[in-house]
Amino acid sequence: MGKISPVSIKYVIHAKFFAEGILEKPDIIGAIFGQTEGLLGEELELRELQKNGKIGRIEVNTESKDSKTEGVILIPTSIDKTDTTLIGAAIETIERIGPATAKVVVEKIEDVRVNKREYILERAKKLLEQMSETSPDSREMQTEITESVREGKIIEYGVEKLPAGPDMENPEIIVVEGRADVLNLLRYGIKNVIAMNGVSLPKEITELGKTKTLTLFVDGDRGGILIAKDALENSKVAFVAQAPSGMEVEELTGKEILASIRSKVSAEEFARTKVERQGEGSEGRYSGRGRGTVGGRGRRPSYRSEREESTIDSYERKDATDDEIRRMQNAMKDIEGTKSALLLNDNFETIRRVSANDLQRALRSIKGISVVVFDGQANGYVLNAAERAGVRHLGAKSFSHTRDSRVNLVSL
């Protein structure tokens, strides 16, 4: 007899039988072939179908007890569903098996391709997940290319090897705080820029001030004002520009950079309207825990007033516990492969799920965020936004920049 390939099986007929007597498997198989012969015409003769490989090996499982036999019949087919149902109906006409009266009932006809489809679907999902994990994100590629171009433009100026743009022959030079600020200005085509790499102007920048017009461009916070004060007292600076309140030069857009530079004021006016307004008694105090900055920028002291101290200290960094890390890992499983982020409260309850593009905006506008789980690479902008939002733990696949921060960074 021909054999049916398991690959070509479409359906399996599942039937039960009951007989008043002790029977063997050959008795049952013989009854199936013998008592269906001629019922469905030559095209559906079971013996011919099996010879041609359209019906597979008929499986019979029996159990005898108290002079009675019952069991299961399995008939695999590769013919269409209509002919398969005809065969199922034909075997139900069996009334005797050997010397015993019998009854055959078809319980179901299984479409084995359904199982194959389910396997295909689940396997396809896993393959897609693998592709998502290994395929580069277009935005990440753009960022990498941009960073590479910017890194290629940056130079080291003077003996102190200060990060600077390539246009240091320009009669006007913009002085910023750190390397990350230089990179951001280069990104938007501003090449006459140099970094202090600290909290006071290096001697080489002081020397530049003797022959060039220096514009000091500082962050929009109290630390920026104090850095400007030190520079104005010890060097020749013509103008001072400041980032919008609460923002850092390294995170500004091109429009924000140009707007800030256009709004620059003379060093004298800045000292009169910004520095003196601080008052000698409100300089605050220096915290030895000064925070570093993104992109290799020098560490900068944190000057805090008494009021600022009480507010900021409530967000001092605390390492995540093992239980918190486990809960963050579980949250990551829910968004893995989606390039999105979950914003969680103190109880690790989801406040909102946002896309990677909306993450920084959400951190600025949504209150009560304590934990962020991000399926992607967290850059300096995300870290800054998280810190300003009072986020305690930021979990991500990876980090393009790391620095000392009140936010605890967890690699997931």
Protein backbone atom coordinates (compact mmCIF):
# COMPACT_ATOMS: atom_id res chain seq x y z
CA MET A 1 0.00 0.00 0.00
CA GLY A 2 1.11 3.51 -0.69
CA LYS A 3 2.03 5.79 2.15
CA ILE A 4 0.89 9.38 2.60
CA SER A 5 3.55 11.96 3.35
CA PRO A 6 3.03 13.70 6.69
CA VAL A 7 3.72 16.99 4.91
CA SER A 8 0.70 16.54 2.58
CA ILE A 9 -1.86 15.59 5.25
CA LYS A 10 -4.77 18.03 5.29
CA TYR A 11 -7.33 16.39 7.54
CA VAL A 12 -7.59 13.65 10.17
CA ILE A 13 -10.89 11.85 10.81
CA HIS A 14 -11.34 11.11 14.54
CA ALA A 15 -13.91 8.36 15.21
CA LYS A 16 -14.91 6.17 18.15
CA PHE A 17 -16.31 2.65 17.92
CA PHE A 18 -18.18 0.33 20.32
CA ALA A 19 -18.57 -3.45 19.75
CA GLU A 20 -20.35 -6.25 21.64
CA GLY A 21 -17.43 -8.69 21.62
CA ILE A 22 -13.66 -9.07 21.85
CA LEU A 23 -12.01 -7.66 18.73
CA GLU A 24 -8.49 -7.11 17.39
CA LYS A 25 -7.16 -4.23 15.33
CA PRO A 26 -7.15 -6.20 12.03
CA ASP A 27 -10.88 -6.90 12.54
CA ILE A 28 -11.65 -3.21 12.73
CA ILE A 29 -9.46 -2.17 9.79
CA GLY A 30 -10.93 -4.99 7.68
CA ALA A 31 -14.45 -3.78 8.49
CA ILE A 32 -13.58 -0.25 7.47
CA PHE A 33 -12.30 -1.33 4.04
CA GLY A 34 -14.87 -4.08 3.50
CA GLN A 35 -18.09 -2.41 4.60
CA THR A 36 -17.40 0.91 2.80
CA GLU A 37 -16.55 -0.78 -0.49
CA GLY A 38 -18.81 0.38 -3.31
CA LEU A 39 -20.61 2.98 -1.18
CA LEU A 40 -18.90 6.06 -2.63
CA GLY A 41 -17.97 4.96 -6.14
CA GLU A 42 -14.62 4.03 -7.61
CA GLU A 43 -13.02 7.45 -7.01
CA LEU A 44 -13.47 7.15 -3.26
CA GLU A 45 -12.65 3.47 -2.74
CA LEU A 46 -10.53 3.45 0.40
CA ARG A 47 -8.13 0.79 -0.88
CA GLU A 48 -7.46 2.74 -4.07
CA LEU A 49 -7.09 6.00 -2.21
CA GLN A 50 -4.54 4.43 0.12
CA LYS A 51 -2.62 2.89 -2.81
CA ASN A 52 -2.45 6.32 -4.42
CA GLY A 53 -1.23 7.94 -1.23
CA LYS A 54 -4.37 10.02 -0.67
CA ILE A 55 -5.21 8.25 2.59
CA GLY A 56 -2.57 7.47 5.14
CA ARG A 57 -2.11 4.55 7.48
CA ILE A 58 -5.30 3.99 9.49
CA GLU A 59 -4.50 3.97 13.21
CA VAL A 60 -6.67 1.97 15.64
CA ASN A 61 -6.41 1.91 19.43
CA THR A 62 -8.57 -0.66 21.26
CA GLU A 63 -9.52 -1.51 24.82
CA SER A 64 -11.44 -4.70 25.74
CA LYS A 65 -13.41 -5.19 28.95
CA ASP A 66 -16.31 -7.40 30.02
CA SER A 67 -16.53 -9.02 26.55
CA LYS A 68 -16.84 -5.59 24.94
CA THR A 69 -14.38 -3.58 22.86
CA GLU A 70 -14.17 0.12 22.30
CA GLY A 71 -11.54 2.37 20.88
CA VAL A 72 -10.45 5.18 18.57
CA ILE A 73 -9.96 5.27 14.79
CA LEU A 74 -7.71 7.87 13.11
CA ILE A 75 -7.79 8.25 9.32
CA PRO A 76 -5.43 10.87 7.80
CA THR A 77 -6.30 12.21 4.33
CA SER A 78 -4.85 14.54 1.73
CA ILE A 79 -8.07 14.89 -0.29
CA ASP A 80 -10.40 17.87 -0.09
CA LYS A 81 -12.76 18.50 2.79
CA THR A 82 -15.89 17.38 0.91
CA ASP A 83 -14.47 13.94 0.05
CA THR A 84 -13.06 13.62 3.58
CA THR A 85 -16.50 14.22 5.11
CA LEU A 86 -18.00 11.62 2.75
CA ILE A 87 -15.49 9.04 4.00
CA GLY A 88 -16.29 10.03 7.60
CA ALA A 89 -19.99 9.54 6.97
CA ALA A 90 -19.34 6.20 5.18
CA ILE A 91 -17.53 4.59 8.14
CA GLU A 92 -20.48 5.50 10.38
CA THR A 93 -22.55 3.00 8.35
CA ILE A 94 -20.52 0.08 9.81
CA GLU A 95 -22.89 -2.06 11.90
CA ARG A 96 -20.83 -5.17 12.45
CA ILE A 97 -17.16 -5.85 13.05
CA GLY A 98 -16.38 -9.49 12.68
CA PRO A 99 -19.07 -11.48 14.53
CA ALA A 100 -19.95 -8.56 16.84
CA THR A 101 -22.48 -5.82 16.42
CA ALA A 102 -20.82 -2.45 16.42
CA LYS A 103 -21.34 1.28 16.14
CA VAL A 104 -18.93 3.88 14.76
CA VAL A 105 -19.30 7.62 15.50
CA VAL A 106 -17.15 10.35 13.94
CA GLU A 107 -16.34 12.86 16.69
CA LYS A 108 -14.54 15.44 14.60
CA ILE A 109 -12.57 16.05 11.43
CA GLU A 110 -9.40 17.95 12.29
CA ASP A 111 -7.84 20.41 9.87
CA VAL A 112 -4.14 19.87 10.67
CA ARG A 113 -3.23 22.99 8.71
CA VAL A 114 -4.73 25.10 11.50
CA ASN A 115 -1.96 23.89 13.80
CA LYS A 116 0.57 24.67 11.11
CA ARG A 117 -0.86 28.16 10.73
CA GLU A 118 -0.64 28.73 14.48
CA TYR A 119 2.96 27.56 14.47
CA ILE A 120 3.75 29.80 11.50
CA LEU A 121 2.15 32.79 13.24
CA GLU A 122 4.02 32.28 16.52
CA ARG A 123 7.29 31.60 14.74
CA ALA A 124 6.84 34.69 12.56
CA LYS A 125 6.33 36.79 15.69
CA LYS A 126 9.58 35.53 17.19
CA LEU A 127 11.47 36.11 13.94
CA LEU A 128 10.08 39.66 13.77
CA GLU A 129 11.17 40.30 17.36
CA GLN A 130 14.67 39.11 16.49
CA MET A 131 14.73 41.40 13.47
CA SER A 132 13.54 44.34 15.60
CA GLU A 133 16.34 43.71 18.08
CA THR A 134 19.06 43.53 15.45
CA SER A 135 17.76 45.95 12.81
CA PRO A 136 19.13 49.48 13.23
CA ASP A 137 16.62 52.22 14.00
CA SER A 138 16.69 54.95 11.35
CA ARG A 139 16.76 57.71 13.96
CA GLU A 140 19.62 56.05 15.78
CA MET A 141 21.51 55.79 12.49
CA GLN A 142 20.90 59.47 11.78
CA THR A 143 22.07 60.40 15.27
CA GLU A 144 25.19 58.28 14.91
CA ILE A 145 26.05 59.85 11.56
CA THR A 146 25.45 63.36 12.92
CA GLU A 147 27.57 62.69 16.00
CA SER A 148 30.33 61.31 13.80
CA VAL A 149 30.31 64.40 11.58
CA ARG A 150 30.32 66.68 14.60
CA GLU A 151 33.17 64.75 16.22
CA GLY A 152 35.07 65.03 12.96
CA LYS A 153 34.77 68.85 13.00
CA ILE A 154 35.86 69.35 16.60
CA ILE A 155 39.49 70.27 17.23
CA GLU A 156 41.76 70.60 20.26
CA TYR A 157 42.89 74.16 20.83
CA GLY A 158 46.11 75.21 22.49
CA VAL A 159 48.31 73.56 25.06
CA GLU A 160 45.30 72.73 27.24
CA LYS A 161 43.67 70.97 24.27
CA LEU A 162 40.33 72.70 24.75
CA PRO A 163 37.42 71.37 22.63
CA ALA A 164 36.76 73.89 19.87
CA GLY A 165 35.27 74.37 16.44
CA PRO A 166 37.46 74.64 13.32
CA ASP A 167 36.89 78.39 12.83
CA MET A 168 39.15 79.78 15.54
CA GLU A 169 40.47 82.45 13.13
CA ASN A 170 37.11 84.21 13.33
CA PRO A 171 37.36 87.64 15.03
CA GLU A 172 34.36 86.70 17.19
CA ILE A 173 34.53 83.61 19.41
CA ILE A 174 31.69 82.01 21.40
CA VAL A 175 32.81 80.52 24.72
CA VAL A 176 30.70 77.69 26.18
CA GLU A 177 31.04 75.54 29.27
CA GLY A 178 31.86 72.05 27.96
CA ARG A 179 32.51 69.71 25.06
CA ALA A 180 28.84 68.74 24.70
CA ASP A 181 27.97 72.43 24.16
CA VAL A 182 30.62 72.69 21.43
CA LEU A 183 29.19 69.62 19.70
CA ASN A 184 25.67 71.03 19.79
CA LEU A 185 26.70 74.35 18.26
CA LEU A 186 28.69 72.52 15.55
CA ARG A 187 25.58 70.53 14.79
CA TYR A 188 23.87 73.75 13.72
CA GLY A 189 26.82 75.16 11.77
CA ILE A 190 28.34 77.42 14.43
CA LYS A 191 32.08 76.75 14.15
CA ASN A 192 33.66 79.70 16.00
CA VAL A 193 33.17 78.11 19.42
CA ILE A 194 35.44 76.91 22.24
CA ALA A 195 34.79 75.23 25.60
CA MET A 196 36.05 76.26 29.02
CA ASN A 197 36.09 72.66 30.25
CA GLY A 198 35.49 73.84 33.78
CA VAL A 199 33.98 76.61 35.88
CA SER A 200 36.51 79.34 35.09
CA LEU A 201 38.07 80.62 31.89
CA PRO A 202 41.39 78.92 31.05
CA LYS A 203 44.37 81.16 30.39
CA GLU A 204 44.25 80.39 26.68
CA ILE A 205 40.73 81.77 26.38
CA THR A 206 41.77 84.79 28.42
CA GLU A 207 44.55 85.39 25.88
CA LEU A 208 42.01 85.06 23.04
CA GLY A 209 40.01 87.86 24.66
CA LYS A 210 42.89 90.27 24.08
CA THR A 211 42.62 89.98 20.28
CA LYS A 212 39.09 88.67 19.68
CA THR A 213 35.55 89.55 20.74
CA LEU A 214 34.40 86.91 23.22
CA THR A 215 30.74 86.04 23.77
CA LEU A 216 30.19 83.85 26.82
CA PHE A 217 27.25 81.46 26.28
CA VAL A 218 26.11 79.83 29.55
CA ASP A 219 23.29 77.58 30.75
CA GLY A 220 19.99 79.06 31.82
CA ASP A 221 20.34 78.29 35.54
CA ARG A 222 21.97 79.74 38.63
CA GLY A 223 25.16 77.84 37.93
CA GLY A 224 25.42 79.56 34.55
CA ILE A 225 25.10 82.98 36.16
CA LEU A 226 27.82 82.20 38.69
CA ILE A 227 30.15 80.90 35.98
CA ALA A 228 29.52 84.13 34.04
CA LYS A 229 30.27 86.17 37.18
CA ASP A 230 33.64 84.43 37.61
CA ALA A 231 34.51 84.94 33.93
CA LEU A 232 33.56 88.64 33.98
CA GLU A 233 35.70 89.27 37.04
CA ASN A 234 38.81 87.56 35.68
CA SER A 235 38.76 87.93 31.89
CA LYS A 236 37.89 90.29 29.08
CA VAL A 237 34.46 89.20 27.87
CA ALA A 238 32.50 91.49 25.54
CA PHE A 239 29.06 89.84 25.59
CA VAL A 240 27.09 87.26 27.54
CA ALA A 241 24.32 85.03 26.15
CA GLN A 242 22.25 82.67 28.27
CA ALA A 243 20.11 79.65 27.42
CA PRO A 244 16.38 79.83 28.24
CA SER A 245 15.57 79.40 31.92
CA GLY A 246 16.12 75.86 33.17
CA MET A 247 17.77 74.67 29.94
CA GLU A 248 21.35 73.81 29.07
CA VAL A 249 23.22 74.87 25.96
CA GLU A 250 23.86 71.24 24.99
CA GLU A 251 20.12 70.51 24.65
CA LEU A 252 19.02 73.58 22.69
CA THR A 253 17.66 73.38 19.16
CA GLY A 254 19.15 75.43 16.35
CA LYS A 255 16.43 78.10 16.66
CA GLU A 256 16.90 78.31 20.42
CA ILE A 257 20.69 78.70 20.03
CA LEU A 258 20.35 81.51 17.48
CA ALA A 259 17.66 83.25 19.55
CA SER A 260 19.86 83.11 22.65
CA ILE A 261 22.91 84.47 20.83
CA ARG A 262 20.86 87.28 19.23
CA SER A 263 19.63 88.20 22.72
CA LYS A 264 23.16 88.57 24.07
CA VAL A 265 23.90 91.62 26.18
CA SER A 266 27.08 93.44 27.01
CA ALA A 267 29.17 92.11 29.85
CA GLU A 268 28.44 95.29 31.85
CA GLU A 269 24.67 94.97 31.41
CA PHE A 270 24.71 91.27 32.31
CA ALA A 271 26.71 92.01 35.47
CA ARG A 272 24.25 94.76 36.41
CA THR A 273 20.98 92.95 35.64
CA LYS A 274 21.87 89.33 36.41
CA VAL A 275 24.88 89.04 38.69
CA GLU A 276 24.24 91.95 41.04
CA ARG A 277 20.60 90.94 41.38
CA GLN A 278 21.73 87.73 43.00
CA GLY A 279 23.03 89.71 46.00
CA GLU A 280 26.14 88.97 47.99
CA GLY A 281 24.13 87.11 50.62
CA SER A 282 22.35 84.81 48.17
CA GLU A 283 25.30 83.24 46.41
CA GLY A 284 24.26 79.99 47.94
CA ARG A 285 26.81 77.38 48.76
CA TYR A 286 28.89 74.95 46.79
CA SER A 287 28.02 71.29 47.03
CA GLY A 288 30.94 68.92 46.65
CA ARG A 289 28.54 66.56 44.91
CA GLY A 290 28.75 68.72 41.79
CA ARG A 291 27.31 66.97 38.80
CA GLY A 292 29.14 66.04 35.64
CA THR A 293 27.60 66.60 32.21
CA VAL A 294 26.92 64.72 29.03
CA GLY A 295 29.57 64.18 26.41
CA GLY A 296 32.70 64.40 28.51
CA ARG A 297 32.03 67.96 29.68
CA GLY A 298 33.97 69.02 32.76
CA ARG A 299 32.43 68.66 36.21
CA ARG A 300 30.73 71.80 37.37
CA PRO A 301 29.96 72.82 40.96
CA SER A 302 26.36 73.11 42.04
CA TYR A 303 25.58 76.40 43.79
CA ARG A 304 22.38 76.19 45.82
CA SER A 305 20.43 78.70 47.81
CA GLU A 306 18.81 77.52 51.04
CA ARG A 307 15.44 77.21 49.29
CA GLU A 308 16.94 75.31 46.33
CA GLU A 309 18.79 72.97 48.69
CA SER A 310 15.61 71.75 50.38
CA THR A 311 13.87 71.14 47.03
CA ILE A 312 16.74 69.42 45.24
CA ASP A 313 17.73 67.19 48.13
CA SER A 314 14.30 65.55 47.99
CA TYR A 315 15.45 64.11 44.67
CA GLU A 316 18.90 62.89 45.68
CA ARG A 317 19.75 59.73 43.79
CA LYS A 318 19.00 56.41 45.42
CA ASP A 319 20.07 53.14 43.86
CA ALA A 320 17.23 50.87 42.79
CA THR A 321 16.54 47.87 44.99
CA ASP A 322 16.59 44.34 43.57
CA ASP A 323 12.79 44.32 43.64
CA GLU A 324 12.59 47.63 41.77
CA ILE A 325 15.02 46.39 39.12
CA ARG A 326 12.96 43.21 38.71
CA ARG A 327 9.79 45.27 38.26
CA MET A 328 11.52 47.45 35.69
CA GLN A 329 12.67 44.33 33.82
CA ASN A 330 9.10 43.03 33.79
CA ALA A 331 7.89 46.38 32.45
CA MET A 332 10.54 46.22 29.71
CA LYS A 333 9.14 42.84 28.59
CA ASP A 334 5.80 44.54 27.88
CA ILE A 335 7.34 47.02 25.42
CA GLU A 336 10.37 45.14 24.11
CA GLY A 337 10.81 45.66 20.38
CA THR A 338 8.37 48.63 20.25
CA LYS A 339 10.88 51.48 20.70
CA SER A 340 8.52 53.10 23.21
CA ALA A 341 8.64 54.06 26.89
CA LEU A 342 6.52 53.42 29.97
CA LEU A 343 6.07 56.23 32.47
CA LEU A 344 5.43 54.83 35.96
CA ASN A 345 4.53 56.32 39.34
CA ASP A 346 6.07 55.48 42.74
CA ASN A 347 4.01 52.27 42.89
CA PHE A 348 5.23 51.19 39.43
CA GLU A 349 1.75 51.74 38.02
CA THR A 350 1.66 52.86 34.39
CA ILE A 351 0.83 56.54 33.94
CA ARG A 352 1.24 56.49 30.18
CA ARG A 353 2.98 54.69 27.35
CA VAL A 354 4.64 57.01 24.83
CA SER A 355 6.72 56.69 21.68
CA ALA A 356 10.44 57.41 21.68
CA ASN A 357 9.80 60.66 19.80
CA ASP A 358 7.33 61.89 22.47
CA LEU A 359 9.35 60.84 25.52
CA GLN A 360 11.08 64.18 26.22
CA ARG A 361 7.86 66.13 25.67
CA ALA A 362 5.98 63.79 28.01
CA LEU A 363 8.62 64.18 30.73
CA ARG A 364 8.17 67.94 30.56
CA SER A 365 4.36 67.93 30.67
CA ILE A 366 3.25 64.92 32.75
CA LYS A 367 3.40 65.11 36.53
CA GLY A 368 4.06 62.34 39.04
CA ILE A 369 6.56 60.32 36.98
CA SER A 370 8.89 58.38 39.25
CA VAL A 371 10.21 55.62 36.96
CA VAL A 372 10.84 55.53 33.20
CA VAL A 373 11.39 52.28 31.30
CA PHE A 374 12.61 52.98 27.74
CA ASP A 375 13.05 50.38 24.97
CA GLY A 376 15.89 52.20 23.28
CA GLN A 377 19.08 54.15 23.82
CA ALA A 378 18.71 57.04 26.28
CA ASN A 379 20.77 60.06 25.27
CA GLY A 380 21.74 63.19 27.18
CA TYR A 381 18.51 64.98 26.26
CA VAL A 382 16.39 62.21 27.76
CA LEU A 383 18.52 62.19 30.91
CA ASN A 384 18.21 65.96 31.30
CA ALA A 385 14.43 65.84 30.84
CA ALA A 386 14.17 62.98 33.34
CA GLU A 387 16.20 64.87 35.91
CA ARG A 388 14.08 68.00 35.60
CA ALA A 389 10.91 65.89 35.91
CA GLY A 390 12.12 64.46 39.23
CA VAL A 391 12.42 60.91 37.86
CA ARG A 392 14.11 58.57 40.34
CA HIS A 393 14.98 55.60 38.10
CA LEU A 394 15.58 55.57 34.32
CA GLY A 395 15.85 52.08 32.80
CA ALA A 396 16.88 51.68 29.16
CA LYS A 397 18.45 49.22 26.74
CA SER A 398 21.59 51.37 26.66
CA PHE A 399 22.85 54.91 27.32
CA SER A 400 24.69 57.03 24.75
CA HIS A 401 25.84 59.39 27.49
CA THR A 402 26.26 58.94 31.22
CA ARG A 403 27.03 61.46 33.90
CA ASP A 404 26.57 61.98 37.60
CA SER A 405 22.90 62.62 38.10
CA ARG A 406 20.09 62.53 40.62
CA VAL A 407 18.47 59.99 38.32
CA ASN A 408 19.53 56.36 38.91
CA LEU A 409 20.40 54.74 35.55
CA VAL A 410 19.57 51.06 35.13
CA SER A 411 20.65 49.08 32.06
CA LEU A 412 17.89 46.59 31.20
